[in-house]
Each structure stands twice: as C-alpha cells, then as structure tokens.
Protein backbone atom coordinates (compact mmCIF):
# COMPACT_ATOMS: atom_id res chain seq x y z
CA MET A 1 -19.35 11.49 1.17
CA LYS A 2 -17.96 15.08 2.31
CA LYS A 3 -20.74 15.37 4.90
CA PRO A 4 -19.23 11.54 6.65
CA ILE A 5 -15.69 12.15 6.48
CA LEU A 6 -16.35 15.44 8.28
CA PHE A 7 -18.43 13.86 10.62
CA LEU A 8 -15.50 11.32 11.63
CA SER A 9 -13.33 14.01 11.99
CA PHE A 10 -14.97 15.46 13.94
CA LEU A 11 -15.37 12.78 16.26
CA PHE A 12 -11.89 11.37 16.11
CA SER A 13 -11.28 15.34 17.59
CA ALA A 14 -14.08 14.60 19.91
CA MET A 15 -12.70 11.23 20.82
CA LEU A 16 -8.74 12.82 21.61
CA THR A 17 -10.28 15.66 23.89
CA LEU A 18 -11.74 13.47 26.04
CA ASN A 19 -9.08 11.38 26.50
CA ALA A 20 -6.81 14.52 26.95
CA GLN A 21 -9.29 15.67 30.02
CA THR A 22 -8.92 12.02 31.29
CA ASP A 23 -7.50 13.10 35.65
CA THR A 24 -3.90 11.71 34.69
CA SER A 25 -4.05 10.71 38.66
CA LYS A 26 -5.09 7.60 37.78
CA PRO A 27 -3.97 4.75 35.70
CA ALA A 28 -4.16 4.60 32.50
CA ALA A 29 -7.59 2.36 31.86
CA SER A 30 -5.98 -1.21 29.60
CA ASN A 31 -8.07 -0.55 26.83
CA SER A 32 -7.05 2.48 26.28
CA SER A 33 -4.40 4.32 24.16
CA THR A 34 -2.44 6.21 21.92
CA THR A 35 -0.15 4.75 18.94
CA LEU A 36 2.16 7.86 16.72
CA ILE A 37 4.21 6.54 13.88
CA THR A 38 5.85 10.13 11.43
CA TYR A 39 8.65 9.34 9.01
CA ILE A 40 10.08 10.99 5.89
CA ASP A 41 11.40 9.51 3.24
CA GLY A 42 13.14 10.85 0.15
CA TYR A 43 15.33 9.27 -3.10
CA TYR A 44 17.87 10.02 -5.82
CA ARG A 45 16.85 8.17 -9.15
CA ALA A 46 18.98 7.57 -12.31
CA ASP A 47 17.40 5.68 -15.36
CA PHE A 48 19.82 3.89 -17.52
CA ALA A 49 18.42 5.73 -20.81
CA GLY A 50 18.40 9.06 -19.14
CA LEU A 51 14.54 9.60 -19.34
CA LYS A 52 11.46 9.84 -16.62
CA SER A 53 9.45 8.56 -19.26
CA ASN A 54 10.74 4.92 -18.63
CA ASN A 55 9.15 4.34 -15.18
CA LYS A 56 5.96 3.35 -15.97
CA THR A 57 4.65 2.27 -12.11
CA SER A 58 4.37 4.53 -9.05
CA PHE A 59 6.34 7.23 -6.78
CA THR A 60 9.54 7.73 -8.85
CA ASN A 61 8.35 9.41 -11.89
CA SER A 62 11.92 11.22 -12.06
CA ASN A 63 15.51 10.69 -13.29
CA ASN A 64 18.72 12.65 -12.27
CA ALA A 65 17.19 14.20 -9.56
CA LEU A 66 16.65 14.35 -5.21
CA GLN A 67 13.28 14.03 -4.47
CA ILE A 68 11.23 13.98 -1.69
CA GLY A 69 8.61 10.76 -1.04
CA MET A 70 6.31 11.92 1.30
CA ALA A 71 6.43 13.43 4.93
CA SER A 72 3.76 11.40 6.92
CA PHE A 73 2.07 11.08 10.15
CA LYS A 74 -0.38 8.98 11.27
CA ILE A 75 -2.14 8.44 14.83
CA ASP A 76 -4.60 5.76 16.27
CA GLN A 77 -6.26 5.87 19.28
CA THR A 78 -8.36 2.93 20.50
CA LEU A 79 -11.07 4.03 23.79
CA GLY A 80 -12.96 1.44 25.09
CA LYS A 81 -14.71 -0.44 22.40
CA PHE A 82 -14.13 2.49 19.56
CA SER A 83 -11.23 3.77 17.91
CA GLY A 84 -10.25 6.04 15.11
CA THR A 85 -7.04 6.37 13.06
CA VAL A 86 -5.70 10.02 11.34
CA ASP A 87 -3.03 9.46 8.58
CA LEU A 88 -1.59 12.63 6.74
CA GLY A 89 1.08 12.53 4.01
CA LEU A 90 2.64 15.65 1.83
CA GLY A 91 4.77 15.22 -1.38
CA LYS A 92 4.46 13.40 -4.77
CA ARG A 93 3.50 9.49 -2.84
CA ALA A 94 0.30 11.77 -1.41
CA ASP A 95 -0.65 13.30 -4.06
CA GLU A 96 0.05 10.44 -6.28
CA PHE A 97 -1.87 7.53 -3.48
CA SER A 98 -4.60 10.23 -3.72
CA TYR A 99 -4.78 11.39 -7.25
CA ASN A 100 -8.61 11.52 -7.69
CA ASP A 101 -8.93 14.20 -4.56
CA LYS A 102 -7.94 18.23 -4.92
CA GLY A 103 -6.43 19.81 -2.49
CA LEU A 104 -6.23 20.08 1.79
CA ALA A 105 -7.75 15.77 0.66
CA THR A 106 -4.90 14.70 -1.18
CA SER A 107 -2.98 15.13 2.36
CA VAL A 108 -5.19 12.27 3.64
CA LYS A 109 -4.35 9.07 3.35
CA GLN A 110 -6.67 7.63 6.29
CA ALA A 111 -9.20 8.91 8.22
CA TYR A 112 -11.68 6.25 9.75
CA VAL A 113 -13.09 5.38 13.03
CA SER A 114 -14.56 2.02 14.42
CA PHE A 115 -16.65 0.35 16.88
CA ALA A 116 -15.95 -3.37 18.16
CA PRO A 117 -19.10 -5.03 19.72
CA SER A 118 -16.79 -7.80 21.00
CA SER A 119 -13.58 -9.75 19.70
CA ALA A 120 -14.84 -10.90 16.93
CA ILE A 121 -16.41 -8.46 14.98
CA LYS A 122 -15.29 -4.98 14.16
CA PHE A 123 -17.04 -2.08 12.25
CA THR A 124 -14.89 0.31 10.03
CA VAL A 125 -16.07 3.32 8.23
CA GLY A 126 -13.97 6.05 6.90
CA LYS A 127 -11.11 5.91 3.54
CA TRP A 128 -8.49 3.19 4.47
CA ALA A 129 -5.79 1.56 2.34
CA THR A 130 -6.71 -1.49 0.41
CA HIS A 131 -6.62 -5.13 1.24
CA ILE A 132 -5.52 -5.75 -1.87
CA GLY A 133 -1.71 -6.90 -2.52
CA TYR A 134 1.75 -7.28 -0.54
CA GLU A 135 3.09 -3.54 -1.10
CA LEU A 136 1.43 -0.70 1.13
CA LEU A 137 1.61 2.38 0.46
CA ASP A 138 4.16 3.67 3.34
CA ALA A 139 7.53 3.47 2.06
CA TYR A 140 9.02 2.31 5.41
CA SER A 141 6.76 -0.86 5.27
CA ASN A 142 8.38 -2.17 2.02
CA ARG A 143 11.57 -3.82 1.14
CA ASN A 144 11.77 -2.34 -2.13
CA TYR A 145 11.81 1.43 -2.29
CA SER A 146 10.35 1.41 -6.22
CA MET A 147 6.27 -0.02 -6.64
CA SER A 148 5.43 -3.43 -8.59
CA TYR A 149 3.13 -2.70 -11.66
CA GLY A 150 0.72 -4.68 -9.60
CA PHE A 151 1.00 -1.88 -6.73
CA SER A 152 0.78 1.06 -8.92
CA TYR A 153 -2.43 -0.49 -11.51
CA GLY A 154 -4.44 -2.55 -8.56
CA PRO A 155 -6.24 0.11 -6.24
CA PHE A 156 -4.61 2.58 -3.87
CA PHE A 157 -7.69 3.13 -0.64
CA HIS A 158 -11.44 2.53 -0.90
CA THR A 159 -13.81 4.86 1.10
CA GLY A 160 -17.20 3.22 3.07
CA LEU A 161 -18.05 0.55 5.03
CA ARG A 162 -16.50 -2.51 6.38
CA ALA A 163 -17.19 -5.21 8.65
CA ASP A 164 -13.70 -7.65 10.16
CA ILE A 165 -15.24 -10.70 11.84
CA ALA A 166 -12.81 -13.37 13.24
CA LEU A 167 -13.17 -17.04 12.06
CA GLY A 168 -11.45 -18.64 15.55
CA GLY A 169 -7.78 -19.48 15.27
CA LYS A 170 -5.72 -17.98 12.79
CA SER A 171 -8.83 -17.22 10.12
CA ALA A 172 -10.68 -13.82 9.87
CA PHE A 173 -13.58 -12.53 7.08
CA MET A 174 -13.52 -9.15 6.20
CA ILE A 175 -16.32 -8.12 3.64
CA GLY A 176 -17.41 -4.22 2.99
CA VAL A 177 -19.01 -1.77 0.57
CA ALA A 178 -17.22 1.19 -1.08
CA GLU A 179 -17.23 3.92 -3.16
CA PRO A 180 -15.53 3.29 -6.44
CA THR A 181 -11.75 2.50 -6.10
CA ASP A 182 -9.67 5.49 -5.07
CA PHE A 183 -12.40 7.93 -5.11
CA THR A 184 -13.76 9.47 -1.80
CA ASN A 185 -16.87 11.34 -2.99
CA ALA A 186 -17.81 8.89 -6.12
CA LYS A 187 -21.86 11.14 -5.93
CA MET A 188 -24.13 8.06 -7.14
CA GLU A 189 -22.03 6.08 -8.50
CA ALA A 190 -22.27 2.28 -8.33
CA LYS A 191 -20.32 1.44 -5.20
CA MET A 192 -17.87 -1.69 -5.12
CA VAL A 193 -17.89 -4.57 -2.82
CA ILE A 194 -14.83 -5.88 -1.36
CA ALA A 195 -13.89 -8.70 0.48
CA GLN A 196 -10.74 -10.58 2.09
CA PHE A 197 -10.25 -14.13 3.48
CA SER A 198 -7.55 -14.43 5.35
CA THR A 199 -5.75 -17.71 7.77
CA ALA A 200 -2.26 -18.70 8.62
CA THR A 201 -0.47 -21.88 10.09
CA LYS A 202 0.20 -22.69 13.81
CA ASP A 203 3.57 -21.38 13.85
CA ASP A 204 1.97 -18.24 11.44
CA LYS A 205 4.76 -20.25 8.92
CA LEU A 206 2.59 -19.03 6.33
CA LYS A 207 -0.34 -16.67 5.81
CA ALA A 208 -2.29 -16.42 3.47
CA TYR A 209 -4.87 -13.60 2.25
CA LEU A 210 -7.63 -14.25 -0.50
CA ASN A 211 -8.90 -10.55 -1.98
CA TYR A 212 -11.37 -9.27 -4.07
CA GLN A 213 -13.08 -5.72 -5.16
CA GLY A 214 -15.55 -6.40 -7.55
CA GLY A 215 -18.51 -3.32 -8.90
CA LYS A 216 -19.72 -2.35 -11.86
CA ASP A 217 -17.42 -3.57 -14.90
CA LYS A 218 -14.93 -3.96 -12.82
CA THR A 219 -13.48 -6.77 -11.12
CA GLN A 220 -10.39 -7.94 -9.04
CA PHE A 221 -8.92 -11.16 -7.64
CA ASP A 222 -5.56 -11.44 -5.09
CA LEU A 223 -3.85 -14.09 -3.81
CA VAL A 224 -1.25 -12.87 -1.18
CA LEU A 225 0.88 -16.08 0.38
CA ASN A 226 4.03 -14.72 3.19
CA GLY A 227 6.38 -17.65 3.87
CA VAL A 228 9.07 -18.17 6.44
CA VAL A 229 11.77 -20.64 5.74
CA ASN A 230 13.66 -19.49 8.74
CA SER A 231 15.24 -16.98 11.17
CA ALA A 232 17.03 -15.14 7.74
CA PHE A 233 15.36 -16.74 5.01
CA ALA A 234 11.51 -15.75 4.04
CA ILE A 235 9.38 -16.13 0.43
CA ASN A 236 6.10 -13.65 -0.29
CA TYR A 237 3.64 -14.05 -3.28
CA ASP A 238 1.42 -11.53 -5.02
CA GLY A 239 -1.15 -12.79 -7.46
CA THR A 240 -3.76 -10.82 -8.75
CA VAL A 241 -5.92 -10.62 -12.29
CA CYS A 242 -7.98 -7.43 -12.43
CA THR A 243 -10.99 -7.53 -15.44
CA LEU A 244 -12.44 -4.02 -16.43
CA ALA A 245 -15.01 -3.80 -19.06
CA GLY A 246 -14.23 -7.25 -20.43
CA SER A 247 -10.53 -6.58 -20.82
CA SER A 248 -8.54 -7.92 -18.10
CA TRP A 249 -4.85 -7.55 -17.23
CA SER A 250 -2.46 -9.81 -14.44
CA SER A 251 -0.08 -9.17 -11.99
CA ASN A 252 2.23 -12.30 -10.16
CA ALA A 253 5.22 -11.29 -8.19
CA VAL A 254 7.73 -13.31 -5.94
CA TYR A 255 9.41 -11.17 -3.08
CA PHE A 256 12.78 -13.26 -1.56
CA ASN A 257 14.06 -11.55 1.46
CA TYR A 258 17.47 -12.70 2.74
CA ASP A 259 18.44 -10.76 6.17
CA PRO A 260 22.10 -12.16 6.72
CA SER A 261 22.37 -9.94 10.31
CA ALA A 262 20.06 -7.03 11.70
CA LYS A 263 21.48 -4.52 10.18
CA VAL A 264 21.02 -5.38 7.05
CA GLY A 265 18.61 -7.36 4.19
CA PHE A 266 17.94 -8.00 0.84
CA THR A 267 14.69 -8.46 -1.54
CA LEU A 268 14.43 -9.52 -4.38
CA ARG A 269 11.38 -8.99 -6.39
CA SER A 270 10.74 -11.00 -9.82
CA GLU A 271 7.16 -10.02 -11.11
CA TYR A 272 5.60 -11.01 -14.64
CA PHE A 273 3.36 -8.12 -15.71
CA ASN A 274 0.78 -9.15 -18.58
CA ASP A 275 -1.46 -5.78 -19.91
CA SER A 276 -1.35 -7.12 -23.67
CA LYS A 277 -5.30 -5.90 -24.14
CA SER A 278 -4.06 -2.49 -22.65
CA ALA A 279 -6.23 -2.82 -20.02
CA ALA A 280 -4.31 -0.94 -17.52
CA GLY A 281 -2.97 1.48 -20.44
CA VAL A 282 0.41 0.34 -20.21
CA GLY A 283 -0.12 -1.93 -23.97
CA THR A 284 2.02 -5.20 -23.11
CA SER A 285 3.66 -7.78 -20.83
CA ILE A 286 6.68 -6.91 -18.58
CA PHE A 287 9.03 -9.27 -16.69
CA GLN A 288 10.59 -6.81 -14.34
CA ASN A 289 13.68 -7.32 -11.61
CA THR A 290 14.01 -5.31 -8.51
CA LEU A 291 17.46 -6.00 -6.25
CA SER A 292 17.07 -3.94 -2.81
CA MET A 293 19.58 -3.48 -0.30
CA ASN A 294 18.23 -2.55 3.38
CA ILE A 295 20.84 -0.63 5.27
CA HIS A 296 19.16 -0.27 8.66
CA LEU A 297 21.23 2.38 10.72
CA ASN A 298 19.00 3.38 13.89
CA LYS A 299 16.24 5.02 12.94
CA LEU A 300 17.51 5.63 9.38
CA THR A 301 17.25 2.82 6.87
CA LEU A 302 19.75 2.86 3.19
CA ILE A 303 17.73 1.03 0.20
CA PRO A 304 20.24 1.44 -2.79
CA GLU A 305 17.76 -0.47 -5.33
CA LEU A 306 19.01 -1.56 -8.99
CA ARG A 307 16.07 -2.84 -11.28
CA LEU A 308 15.44 -3.80 -14.44
CA ASP A 309 12.08 -4.37 -16.52
CA ASN A 310 11.73 -5.99 -19.89
CA ALA A 311 9.08 -5.91 -22.37
CA ALA A 312 7.89 -7.98 -25.12
CA ASP A 313 6.75 -4.63 -27.14
CA LYS A 314 9.07 -1.34 -27.82
CA VAL A 315 7.61 0.94 -24.91
CA PHE A 316 10.93 2.13 -23.08
CA VAL A 317 12.84 4.41 -25.13
CA ASN A 318 17.07 3.87 -25.06
CA GLY A 319 19.81 6.23 -24.29
CA SER A 320 19.86 7.09 -28.02
CA ASN A 321 15.97 8.41 -27.85
CA VAL A 322 14.83 5.36 -29.94
CA ALA A 323 12.04 2.89 -28.80
CA SER A 324 13.32 -0.12 -26.85
CA THR A 325 12.17 -3.55 -25.32
CA GLY A 326 14.35 -2.65 -21.94
CA SER A 327 14.92 -0.36 -19.61
CA GLY A 328 17.20 0.26 -16.44
CA SER A 329 17.64 1.85 -12.89
CA PHE A 330 19.58 2.71 -9.83
CA LEU A 331 18.21 4.67 -7.07
CA VAL A 332 19.16 5.26 -3.67
CA ALA A 333 16.50 6.02 -0.91
CA ALA A 334 16.43 6.74 2.71
CA VAL A 335 13.56 6.32 5.02
CA TYR A 336 13.73 8.20 8.97
CA LYS A 337 10.65 6.58 11.46
CA PHE A 338 11.01 8.77 14.15
C-alpha cells in the first residue's frame, strides 16, 4: 500500500493547490469547502498502587507524571464530487494508534480521498479510523479520557477501499475491503472485509450502528446504540465480540451522560470485559467503572477522572507489591481545541 498512500498524498496536495489558485474575486462554489481542526491534550495520572503496569488499556500508560497525549492537525478539503482528508498527530497517543508503523508513518492518523458520483454513494480509498466501537482516538471526541478495554483491544484503523451507500431515510450501509487490522502495508496477507449498517429514528433520539470486520482467523461483530433521553441526559451502549483463531473476547460498555449545564458534564462508563480465554492476552474478566467530569472553559476542557477496575483473577498489583484483583487510578486531563 506504500505506492497508493504516496499517490493519495500527491493527489490531495494537488487538490489544495488547485483550490489556492482559484480566482478569489468570485464567490466560492457552494460545493467547495475546507475545514481545519487542531487540538492538543495532556494529562497527569496517579495509580493508587504507584504502578503504571496496572493500566491495561490504551494511551494512559504512566504514573505520577505529566504527559502529552497528542498534538493533532486535521484538514478536510471538498472540491465538487471529490474530497480528501489528511489527519496528522504527534505524541504517544498517535504512536500507539499506528503501532505497526515506523518513523514518520506513525504520525499519519488518517489519509484518504473520496469520490461521490451521486448523493447516494461515495467511494473512499486510503487509511481511516475504524468504524467499530463507540470511542474515538481524538481526546476531544470522548467524554472519558482513559479508554475502554473494548477500544483498546479492538481495531484502531483500516487501510483499503470502501463504499458508503445511502439507503433512504435515516439508514445507510458501508462495505469495504482492507488490509489486516491496524496495518497500512501487509504485503500479501489475506485482506479483511469490513461493513456497517446504520439507522436512526426520525427525531435522531435513537441511533444504531451494526459493525463488522472479518478475515482469516478473525471475526468481530459490534453494536453501538446512542440514545437521547432529554436535553441533559443520554445513554450510549457499545457491545462487541471478537473471535481470534477459535478463541474470543467480548466487551459490553454503557455510558451514562449527564449535562446539568453547558459548562459542566458528567459521564459514568461501566464496562464488563471478558477475556477468560486470553484471546486478547489479558487472561481474565474485568469490570471497570470510570467517572469523568467535563469542565468547559471556552476552548479548553478539563477532565478530572476516577477509575476503578476489578478482575476475576489477580492480574493487578497493590501498593505492597502483592498480586491483586483490584486497581484504581485518578487523572486530570486538559484538552485544548483551537
């Protein structure tokens, strides 16, 4: 996939150049637009046992230290029926996201171009963040700063070709073929089939996403439900089952969101993660609860967070350096979106 990615980068650069050379004395075409999103996040985490090894999920592998999560730069460009995205990130968060890449390639979170011959269908080629799951890579897109087990052991991104098809009303379907999970270049390895069916009620108070990826020795089904109770309260669910060479792990997570005002919000994430067959390498079942507070100060969001993990087996270590079934941590994160 190296040559296609280089070609996509060249094509997107050409699109930007053409747009820059457009006669600015004339009104911009209604089907041409550019969107830029930049942000930076950092956090301080304190494990109650004083050990970073107790963290078994993505992006917060530290203890008693200030850490930069990621500095991110994303640009979306639309020119008629064509569009392109370049999404770059620097920091541990980006490095862990593109863990199979090396060097500068780890900074490329997403890079893809799309062609929409009509309003009913769009084709996309390149690298993009996975459609599977409720949580997202970018910290500003999540209400909890630490990540769930379902996110951490599921797919991060796909590289390939997909088609997004509008089915009418609030329903849509996506189908595609991609490299093995989290690879931008897997040479001659067997490819993955990816798919999603999405639908919603007329008032958008309930949305559903049925997600899939499957290939040699790997199959995953995932269901995401987003429910709005009222202007202050929402409930979201993410359930997933992943089978790897005959063994499987599963995650069921519920997110309770409460916003008493525009400045303050609370989220309780309760997740049951079952990896008793060690398909994901954890080797036990874990019930975790994470309570996060979101404090919005203009472009800055502060996220104090308390997390408690309880396992069926002694996979954690307590403050006396003795194996334990429980683990706890507290962190404070700051996310600044420009």
